[in-house]
Amino acid sequence: MHLAFERVVDDWSPEIPPLTILFAEIGDSFVRDFKAIDDRESQAVFNAIETMLTGKDEALNVGASTGFLEAIAVKPEFDKKAKSMLGEESKKFLHAWLQFMNSPNLDS
């Protein structure tokens, strides 16, 4: 995840990357390497995402939800074990997002 962070920051330099882009890249890296990461470390990542979702910083909330969670939710590596580590707000967000994405009529 650290390398993904550095790559995005370097790619956007001298500008600061949007949090959604940064979090999406970190999410991609995290879920891709999920099986190799210690369970305690993985749980700590999900706990940090949960804290961002429930905190008062709107930018972190958006980065965590539309960046990180949406990025991992579409990956085949986002399996039952990873889903079991999600916090309540993360589960609520993903449930609503997946319902929206599967909606045959986005106007209803």
Protein backbone atom coordinates (compact mmCIF):
# COMPACT_ATOMS: atom_id res chain seq x y z
CA MET A 1 0.00 0.00 0.00
CA HIS A 2 2.88 2.32 0.77
CA LEU A 3 4.25 1.89 -2.76
CA ALA A 4 0.82 2.60 -4.26
CA PHE A 5 0.63 5.78 -2.20
CA GLU A 6 4.08 6.91 -3.34
CA ARG A 7 3.32 6.10 -7.00
CA VAL A 8 0.13 8.18 -7.01
CA VAL A 9 1.79 11.09 -5.25
CA ASP A 10 4.70 10.97 -7.72
CA ASP A 11 2.35 10.73 -10.71
CA TRP A 12 0.42 13.81 -9.61
CA SER A 13 3.44 15.83 -8.49
CA PRO A 14 3.67 18.76 -8.06
CA GLU A 15 -0.11 18.72 -7.53
CA ILE A 16 -1.77 16.86 -4.68
CA PRO A 17 -3.81 13.89 -5.93
CA PRO A 18 -7.56 13.85 -5.25
CA LEU A 19 -8.29 11.68 -2.21
CA THR A 20 -10.63 9.44 -4.17
CA ILE A 21 -7.83 8.60 -6.64
CA LEU A 22 -5.33 8.09 -3.85
CA PHE A 23 -7.66 5.89 -1.81
CA ALA A 24 -8.69 3.88 -4.88
CA GLU A 25 -5.06 3.05 -5.67
CA ILE A 26 -4.40 2.11 -2.05
CA GLY A 27 -7.55 -0.03 -2.06
CA ASP A 28 -6.47 -1.79 -5.24
CA SER A 29 -3.08 -2.55 -3.72
CA PHE A 30 -4.61 -3.67 -0.42
CA VAL A 31 -7.11 -6.10 -1.89
CA ARG A 32 -4.62 -7.45 -4.41
CA ASP A 33 -2.19 -8.31 -1.59
CA PHE A 34 -4.90 -9.16 0.97
CA LYS A 35 -4.01 -12.83 1.34
CA ALA A 36 -0.37 -11.97 2.08
CA ILE A 37 -1.20 -9.37 4.74
CA ASP A 38 -1.43 -10.38 8.38
CA ASP A 39 -5.06 -10.52 9.62
CA ARG A 40 -4.37 -7.96 12.36
CA GLU A 41 -2.95 -5.51 9.84
CA SER A 42 -5.88 -6.08 7.47
CA GLN A 43 -8.34 -5.49 10.30
CA ALA A 44 -6.47 -2.31 11.24
CA VAL A 45 -6.92 -1.02 7.67
CA PHE A 46 -10.65 -1.76 7.74
CA ASN A 47 -10.91 -0.13 11.18
CA ALA A 48 -9.19 2.99 9.83
CA ILE A 49 -11.65 3.10 6.92
CA GLU A 50 -14.53 2.74 9.37
CA THR A 51 -13.16 5.62 11.47
CA MET A 52 -12.99 7.81 8.37
CA LEU A 53 -16.59 6.93 7.46
CA THR A 54 -17.86 7.85 10.91
CA GLY A 55 -15.65 10.90 11.43
CA LYS A 56 -16.38 14.53 10.81
CA ASP A 57 -13.89 15.04 7.94
CA GLU A 58 -16.00 14.90 4.77
CA ALA A 59 -12.97 14.61 2.48
CA LEU A 60 -11.73 11.51 4.31
CA ASN A 61 -15.25 10.07 4.28
CA VAL A 62 -15.48 10.49 0.51
CA GLY A 63 -11.98 9.10 -0.01
CA ALA A 64 -12.71 6.07 2.15
CA SER A 65 -16.10 5.37 0.57
CA THR A 66 -15.91 6.31 -3.10
CA GLY A 67 -12.19 5.69 -3.30
CA PHE A 68 -11.21 2.73 -1.16
CA LEU A 69 -14.47 0.79 -0.67
CA GLU A 70 -15.71 1.12 -4.25
CA ALA A 71 -12.29 0.07 -5.54
CA ILE A 72 -12.13 -3.11 -3.46
CA ALA A 73 -15.78 -4.07 -3.90
CA VAL A 74 -15.37 -4.78 -7.61
CA LYS A 75 -12.31 -7.00 -7.23
CA PRO A 76 -12.59 -10.80 -7.16
CA GLU A 77 -10.10 -10.82 -4.28
CA PHE A 78 -12.72 -9.06 -2.14
CA ASP A 79 -13.81 -12.36 -0.70
CA LYS A 80 -15.79 -13.61 2.29
CA LYS A 81 -12.83 -13.19 4.65
CA ALA A 82 -12.29 -9.56 3.60
CA LYS A 83 -16.02 -8.83 3.85
CA SER A 84 -16.10 -10.25 7.39
CA MET A 85 -13.62 -7.55 8.48
CA LEU A 86 -15.80 -4.63 7.35
CA GLY A 87 -17.29 -2.32 9.94
CA GLU A 88 -20.99 -1.50 10.07
CA GLU A 89 -20.76 1.81 8.18
CA SER A 90 -18.62 0.19 5.50
CA LYS A 91 -21.20 -2.57 5.08
CA LYS A 92 -24.03 -0.03 4.87
CA PHE A 93 -22.19 2.03 2.27
CA LEU A 94 -21.35 -0.98 0.11
CA HIS A 95 -24.88 -2.37 0.35
CA ALA A 96 -26.35 0.95 -0.84
CA TRP A 97 -23.70 1.37 -3.54
CA LEU A 98 -24.16 -2.15 -4.88
CA GLN A 99 -27.94 -1.66 -4.97
CA PHE A 100 -27.43 1.55 -6.91
CA MET A 101 -25.00 -0.09 -9.33
CA ASN A 102 -27.39 -2.98 -10.01
CA SER A 103 -30.40 -0.72 -10.48
CA PRO A 104 -31.95 -1.28 -13.93
CA ASN A 105 -33.51 2.19 -13.79
CA LEU A 106 -31.32 4.87 -12.24
CA ASP A 107 -34.20 7.37 -12.31
CA SER A 108 -36.34 5.43 -9.83
